[in-house]
Amino acid sequence: MEDRPEGEDGALSFRGDIGVRVKTLAQIRRQLSLGQFEFSRHAFRRAVERNISELEIRQAGKQAEIIEDYPADKYGPSCLLLGFAANNRPLHLQVSRLDTPLVKIITLYEPDEQEWYDYAQRR
């Protein structure tokens, strides 16, 4: 799926009647690939349990695509990304789209082929 066209400094996304600035896919990709991210507690536990390294996150983030967008997520706009590490390991990263200094990873996992077509579309 493609990201909506948005300005270089982020776009104005609306959640209810409150405007919230969100990051573009290009901004998210750049920050992930440069290691400019932080984990939620949940995501940190999952990364350790699932043996997902920082390097794999950086590699997967570099060319990640938005496969699901959650503009009205509970704690703010977020999206589900699909990317591939250099070893061809597919990774799903749910990240916050809020315009903050670091990308916040909400959760991450290796998608199950039984639940996803080409890792990008739910069965």
N, C-alpha and C. Protein backbone atom coordinates (compact mmCIF):
# COMPACT_ATOMS: atom_id res chain seq x y z
N MET A 1 0.84 -1.17 0.00
CA MET A 1 0.00 0.00 0.00
C MET A 1 0.88 1.24 0.00
N GLU A 2 0.36 2.32 -0.54
CA GLU A 2 1.14 3.54 -0.61
C GLU A 2 0.77 4.49 0.51
N ASP A 3 1.74 5.29 0.88
CA ASP A 3 1.51 6.33 1.86
C ASP A 3 0.80 7.48 1.16
N ARG A 4 -0.05 8.15 1.87
CA ARG A 4 -0.71 9.32 1.31
C ARG A 4 0.31 10.43 1.10
N PRO A 5 0.14 11.26 0.06
CA PRO A 5 1.08 12.35 -0.12
C PRO A 5 0.97 13.33 1.05
N GLU A 6 2.11 13.68 1.61
CA GLU A 6 2.12 14.57 2.76
C GLU A 6 3.32 15.50 2.63
N GLY A 7 3.27 16.62 3.30
CA GLY A 7 4.35 17.58 3.27
C GLY A 7 5.62 17.04 3.91
N GLU A 8 6.74 17.64 3.59
CA GLU A 8 8.04 17.20 4.10
C GLU A 8 8.11 17.27 5.63
N ASP A 9 7.41 18.23 6.23
CA ASP A 9 7.46 18.39 7.68
C ASP A 9 6.36 17.62 8.40
N GLY A 10 5.68 16.73 7.72
CA GLY A 10 4.57 16.00 8.32
C GLY A 10 3.27 16.57 7.77
N ALA A 11 2.20 15.90 8.03
CA ALA A 11 0.92 16.34 7.51
C ALA A 11 -0.04 16.50 8.67
N LEU A 12 -1.12 17.18 8.39
CA LEU A 12 -2.13 17.36 9.42
C LEU A 12 -3.15 16.24 9.28
N SER A 13 -3.24 15.42 10.30
CA SER A 13 -4.19 14.33 10.33
C SER A 13 -5.21 14.68 11.40
N PHE A 14 -6.45 14.32 11.18
CA PHE A 14 -7.47 14.69 12.14
C PHE A 14 -7.96 13.48 12.91
N ARG A 15 -7.99 13.63 14.21
CA ARG A 15 -8.52 12.62 15.11
C ARG A 15 -9.62 13.31 15.89
N GLY A 16 -10.85 13.05 15.51
CA GLY A 16 -11.96 13.80 16.07
C GLY A 16 -11.86 15.21 15.54
N ASP A 17 -12.00 16.21 16.40
CA ASP A 17 -11.89 17.59 15.94
C ASP A 17 -10.54 18.20 16.31
N ILE A 18 -9.58 17.35 16.71
CA ILE A 18 -8.25 17.84 17.10
C ILE A 18 -7.26 17.47 16.00
N GLY A 19 -6.58 18.45 15.44
CA GLY A 19 -5.56 18.18 14.43
C GLY A 19 -4.29 17.67 15.08
N VAL A 20 -3.71 16.61 14.54
CA VAL A 20 -2.49 16.01 15.07
C VAL A 20 -1.50 15.89 13.93
N ARG A 21 -0.27 16.36 14.14
CA ARG A 21 0.75 16.23 13.10
C ARG A 21 1.30 14.82 13.10
N VAL A 22 1.39 14.23 11.90
CA VAL A 22 1.90 12.87 11.78
C VAL A 22 3.09 12.82 10.82
N LYS A 23 3.91 11.79 11.00
CA LYS A 23 5.08 11.60 10.15
C LYS A 23 4.68 10.97 8.82
N THR A 24 5.44 11.29 7.80
CA THR A 24 5.27 10.65 6.50
C THR A 24 5.99 9.30 6.52
N LEU A 25 5.68 8.47 5.55
CA LEU A 25 6.38 7.19 5.42
C LEU A 25 7.87 7.44 5.22
N ALA A 26 8.22 8.43 4.42
CA ALA A 26 9.64 8.74 4.19
C ALA A 26 10.35 9.10 5.50
N GLN A 27 9.69 9.87 6.35
CA GLN A 27 10.29 10.24 7.63
C GLN A 27 10.46 9.00 8.52
N ILE A 28 9.45 8.15 8.55
CA ILE A 28 9.52 6.93 9.36
C ILE A 28 10.64 6.02 8.87
N ARG A 29 10.71 5.83 7.55
CA ARG A 29 11.77 4.99 6.98
C ARG A 29 13.15 5.52 7.35
N ARG A 30 13.32 6.82 7.18
CA ARG A 30 14.62 7.44 7.47
C ARG A 30 15.01 7.22 8.92
N GLN A 31 14.09 7.50 9.82
CA GLN A 31 14.40 7.37 11.25
C GLN A 31 14.68 5.92 11.64
N LEU A 32 13.89 5.00 11.13
CA LEU A 32 14.14 3.59 11.44
C LEU A 32 15.51 3.16 10.92
N SER A 33 15.83 3.52 9.68
CA SER A 33 17.09 3.08 9.09
C SER A 33 18.30 3.69 9.80
N LEU A 34 18.13 4.86 10.42
CA LEU A 34 19.22 5.51 11.14
C LEU A 34 19.27 5.12 12.62
N GLY A 35 18.34 4.27 13.03
CA GLY A 35 18.31 3.85 14.43
C GLY A 35 17.69 4.88 15.35
N GLN A 36 16.94 5.81 14.78
CA GLN A 36 16.29 6.86 15.58
C GLN A 36 14.90 6.40 16.00
N PHE A 37 14.87 5.37 16.85
CA PHE A 37 13.59 4.83 17.31
C PHE A 37 13.71 4.44 18.77
N GLU A 38 12.54 4.27 19.38
CA GLU A 38 12.46 3.79 20.75
C GLU A 38 11.39 2.71 20.79
N PHE A 39 11.46 1.88 21.82
CA PHE A 39 10.50 0.79 21.99
C PHE A 39 9.50 1.13 23.08
N SER A 40 8.27 0.71 22.89
CA SER A 40 7.35 0.65 24.02
C SER A 40 7.85 -0.52 24.88
N ARG A 41 7.41 -0.59 26.11
CA ARG A 41 7.81 -1.73 26.96
C ARG A 41 7.43 -3.05 26.30
N HIS A 42 6.23 -3.07 25.76
CA HIS A 42 5.73 -4.28 25.09
C HIS A 42 6.65 -4.65 23.92
N ALA A 43 7.00 -3.67 23.08
CA ALA A 43 7.84 -3.94 21.91
C ALA A 43 9.23 -4.42 22.32
N PHE A 44 9.78 -3.84 23.38
CA PHE A 44 11.10 -4.28 23.83
C PHE A 44 11.06 -5.74 24.25
N ARG A 45 10.02 -6.11 25.01
CA ARG A 45 9.89 -7.52 25.44
C ARG A 45 9.75 -8.43 24.23
N ARG A 46 8.95 -8.01 23.26
CA ARG A 46 8.74 -8.84 22.07
C ARG A 46 10.02 -8.97 21.25
N ALA A 47 10.78 -7.91 21.12
CA ALA A 47 12.03 -7.97 20.36
C ALA A 47 12.98 -8.99 20.99
N VAL A 48 13.06 -8.98 22.31
CA VAL A 48 13.93 -9.93 23.02
C VAL A 48 13.41 -11.35 22.85
N GLU A 49 12.11 -11.55 23.11
CA GLU A 49 11.50 -12.89 23.00
C GLU A 49 11.64 -13.46 21.59
N ARG A 50 11.52 -12.60 20.59
CA ARG A 50 11.50 -13.06 19.19
C ARG A 50 12.86 -12.94 18.52
N ASN A 51 13.86 -12.55 19.30
CA ASN A 51 15.22 -12.45 18.79
C ASN A 51 15.31 -11.55 17.55
N ILE A 52 14.70 -10.37 17.66
CA ILE A 52 14.74 -9.39 16.57
C ILE A 52 15.76 -8.32 16.97
N SER A 53 16.81 -8.20 16.18
CA SER A 53 17.91 -7.29 16.53
C SER A 53 17.64 -5.86 16.04
N GLU A 54 18.39 -4.93 16.62
CA GLU A 54 18.32 -3.53 16.18
C GLU A 54 18.71 -3.43 14.71
N LEU A 55 19.71 -4.18 14.30
CA LEU A 55 20.14 -4.15 12.90
C LEU A 55 19.02 -4.60 11.98
N GLU A 56 18.31 -5.66 12.35
CA GLU A 56 17.20 -6.13 11.52
C GLU A 56 16.10 -5.07 11.43
N ILE A 57 15.83 -4.38 12.51
CA ILE A 57 14.82 -3.31 12.49
C ILE A 57 15.26 -2.20 11.55
N ARG A 58 16.53 -1.82 11.64
CA ARG A 58 17.05 -0.76 10.76
C ARG A 58 16.96 -1.18 9.29
N GLN A 59 17.32 -2.43 9.02
CA GLN A 59 17.28 -2.93 7.63
C GLN A 59 15.84 -2.99 7.12
N ALA A 60 14.94 -3.54 7.93
CA ALA A 60 13.53 -3.66 7.53
C ALA A 60 12.89 -2.28 7.37
N GLY A 61 13.27 -1.36 8.22
CA GLY A 61 12.68 -0.02 8.18
C GLY A 61 13.07 0.78 6.97
N LYS A 62 14.23 0.49 6.40
CA LYS A 62 14.76 1.29 5.28
C LYS A 62 13.82 1.32 4.08
N GLN A 63 13.19 0.20 3.75
CA GLN A 63 12.30 0.14 2.59
C GLN A 63 10.88 -0.31 2.97
N ALA A 64 10.53 -0.14 4.23
CA ALA A 64 9.23 -0.62 4.72
C ALA A 64 8.07 0.05 3.98
N GLU A 65 6.98 -0.69 3.90
CA GLU A 65 5.74 -0.18 3.30
C GLU A 65 4.64 -0.21 4.35
N ILE A 66 3.75 0.75 4.27
CA ILE A 66 2.58 0.75 5.15
C ILE A 66 1.58 -0.26 4.59
N ILE A 67 1.22 -1.26 5.41
CA ILE A 67 0.23 -2.23 4.94
C ILE A 67 -1.11 -2.05 5.64
N GLU A 68 -1.12 -1.38 6.77
CA GLU A 68 -2.36 -1.02 7.45
C GLU A 68 -2.14 0.31 8.15
N ASP A 69 -3.13 1.17 8.09
CA ASP A 69 -3.05 2.49 8.72
C ASP A 69 -4.12 2.56 9.79
N TYR A 70 -3.75 3.07 10.95
CA TYR A 70 -4.68 3.17 12.08
C TYR A 70 -4.75 4.63 12.55
N PRO A 71 -5.44 5.50 11.81
CA PRO A 71 -5.45 6.93 12.15
C PRO A 71 -6.15 7.24 13.47
N ALA A 72 -7.05 6.37 13.92
CA ALA A 72 -7.78 6.62 15.16
C ALA A 72 -7.38 5.63 16.26
N ASP A 73 -6.12 5.19 16.24
CA ASP A 73 -5.64 4.23 17.24
C ASP A 73 -5.78 4.84 18.63
N LYS A 74 -5.89 3.98 19.62
CA LYS A 74 -6.17 4.37 21.00
C LYS A 74 -5.27 5.49 21.53
N TYR A 75 -3.96 5.39 21.29
CA TYR A 75 -3.02 6.37 21.84
C TYR A 75 -2.50 7.35 20.79
N GLY A 76 -3.08 7.35 19.62
CA GLY A 76 -2.66 8.25 18.56
C GLY A 76 -2.46 7.50 17.27
N PRO A 77 -2.39 8.21 16.16
CA PRO A 77 -2.25 7.57 14.85
C PRO A 77 -1.04 6.63 14.80
N SER A 78 -1.25 5.47 14.21
CA SER A 78 -0.16 4.51 14.04
C SER A 78 -0.37 3.77 12.73
N CYS A 79 0.59 2.94 12.38
CA CYS A 79 0.47 2.14 11.16
C CYS A 79 1.28 0.86 11.33
N LEU A 80 0.93 -0.12 10.51
CA LEU A 80 1.64 -1.39 10.48
C LEU A 80 2.52 -1.40 9.23
N LEU A 81 3.80 -1.63 9.43
CA LEU A 81 4.77 -1.65 8.34
C LEU A 81 5.21 -3.07 8.05
N LEU A 82 5.52 -3.33 6.79
CA LEU A 82 6.17 -4.57 6.38
C LEU A 82 7.52 -4.20 5.80
N GLY A 83 8.56 -4.84 6.33
CA GLY A 83 9.89 -4.65 5.80
C GLY A 83 10.65 -5.96 5.88
N PHE A 84 11.78 -6.00 5.21
CA PHE A 84 12.59 -7.21 5.19
C PHE A 84 14.02 -6.89 5.63
N ALA A 85 14.53 -7.70 6.55
CA ALA A 85 15.92 -7.58 6.97
C ALA A 85 16.81 -8.12 5.86
N ALA A 86 18.09 -7.86 5.94
CA ALA A 86 19.04 -8.29 4.90
C ALA A 86 19.02 -9.80 4.70
N ASN A 87 18.70 -10.56 5.74
CA ASN A 87 18.64 -12.01 5.62
C ASN A 87 17.29 -12.48 5.07
N ASN A 88 16.51 -11.53 4.54
CA ASN A 88 15.18 -11.76 3.93
C ASN A 88 14.11 -12.12 4.97
N ARG A 89 14.38 -11.87 6.23
CA ARG A 89 13.40 -12.12 7.29
C ARG A 89 12.33 -11.03 7.23
N PRO A 90 11.06 -11.42 7.02
CA PRO A 90 10.00 -10.41 7.00
C PRO A 90 9.69 -9.95 8.43
N LEU A 91 9.46 -8.66 8.59
CA LEU A 91 9.10 -8.13 9.89
C LEU A 91 7.92 -7.18 9.76
N HIS A 92 7.01 -7.29 10.71
CA HIS A 92 5.94 -6.31 10.87
C HIS A 92 6.32 -5.43 12.04
N LEU A 93 6.22 -4.13 11.83
CA LEU A 93 6.48 -3.15 12.88
C LEU A 93 5.25 -2.26 12.98
N GLN A 94 4.62 -2.22 14.13
CA GLN A 94 3.56 -1.23 14.33
C GLN A 94 4.23 -0.05 14.99
N VAL A 95 4.12 1.12 14.35
CA VAL A 95 4.79 2.31 14.86
C VAL A 95 3.79 3.46 15.01
N SER A 96 4.11 4.33 15.95
CA SER A 96 3.33 5.55 16.12
C SER A 96 3.65 6.50 14.97
N ARG A 97 2.65 7.22 14.47
CA ARG A 97 2.89 8.21 13.43
C ARG A 97 2.97 9.62 13.99
N LEU A 98 2.86 9.75 15.32
CA LEU A 98 2.94 11.07 15.93
C LEU A 98 4.28 11.72 15.61
N ASP A 99 4.25 13.02 15.37
CA ASP A 99 5.45 13.76 15.00
C ASP A 99 6.29 14.03 16.25
N THR A 100 7.13 13.06 16.60
CA THR A 100 8.01 13.11 17.76
C THR A 100 9.45 12.93 17.31
N PRO A 101 10.43 13.27 18.16
CA PRO A 101 11.84 13.16 17.74
C PRO A 101 12.28 11.74 17.36
N LEU A 102 11.70 10.72 18.00
CA LEU A 102 12.02 9.34 17.69
C LEU A 102 10.76 8.60 17.25
N VAL A 103 10.91 7.62 16.36
CA VAL A 103 9.78 6.76 16.01
C VAL A 103 9.57 5.79 17.16
N LYS A 104 8.35 5.68 17.64
CA LYS A 104 8.05 4.73 18.71
C LYS A 104 7.53 3.44 18.11
N ILE A 105 8.22 2.33 18.40
CA ILE A 105 7.78 1.01 17.95
C ILE A 105 6.83 0.49 19.02
N ILE A 106 5.60 0.21 18.62
CA ILE A 106 4.56 -0.25 19.53
C ILE A 106 4.64 -1.77 19.72
N THR A 107 4.82 -2.48 18.62
CA THR A 107 5.03 -3.92 18.65
C THR A 107 5.75 -4.33 17.38
N LEU A 108 6.32 -5.52 17.38
CA LEU A 108 7.01 -6.04 16.21
C LEU A 108 7.04 -7.55 16.27
N TYR A 109 7.00 -8.15 15.08
CA TYR A 109 6.97 -9.61 15.01
C TYR A 109 7.25 -10.06 13.60
N GLU A 110 7.54 -11.35 13.46
CA GLU A 110 7.67 -11.97 12.15
C GLU A 110 6.29 -12.49 11.78
N PRO A 111 5.70 -12.01 10.66
CA PRO A 111 4.34 -12.43 10.32
C PRO A 111 4.24 -13.92 9.99
N ASP A 112 3.13 -14.50 10.38
CA ASP A 112 2.85 -15.92 10.15
C ASP A 112 2.26 -16.08 8.74
N GLU A 113 2.88 -16.92 7.94
CA GLU A 113 2.41 -17.13 6.56
C GLU A 113 0.99 -17.67 6.52
N GLN A 114 0.54 -18.32 7.58
CA GLN A 114 -0.82 -18.85 7.63
C GLN A 114 -1.85 -17.73 7.84
N GLU A 115 -1.40 -16.58 8.30
CA GLU A 115 -2.30 -15.45 8.58
C GLU A 115 -2.21 -14.33 7.57
N TRP A 116 -1.17 -14.35 6.72
CA TRP A 116 -0.91 -13.25 5.79
C TRP A 116 -0.61 -13.75 4.39
N TYR A 117 -1.18 -13.10 3.38
CA TYR A 117 -0.80 -13.32 1.98
C TYR A 117 0.41 -12.44 1.72
N ASP A 118 1.49 -13.03 1.25
CA ASP A 118 2.71 -12.28 0.93
C ASP A 118 3.12 -11.35 2.07
N TYR A 119 2.79 -11.70 3.28
CA TYR A 119 3.11 -10.96 4.50
C TYR A 119 2.43 -9.59 4.57
N ALA A 120 1.64 -9.23 3.54
CA ALA A 120 1.12 -7.87 3.46
C ALA A 120 -0.40 -7.76 3.58
N GLN A 121 -1.12 -8.84 3.39
CA GLN A 121 -2.58 -8.78 3.42
C GLN A 121 -3.10 -9.91 4.29
N ARG A 122 -4.00 -9.56 5.21
CA ARG A 122 -4.56 -10.57 6.10
C ARG A 122 -5.39 -11.59 5.31
N ARG A 123 -5.31 -12.83 5.69
CA ARG A 123 -6.11 -13.88 5.04
C ARG A 123 -7.53 -13.84 5.54
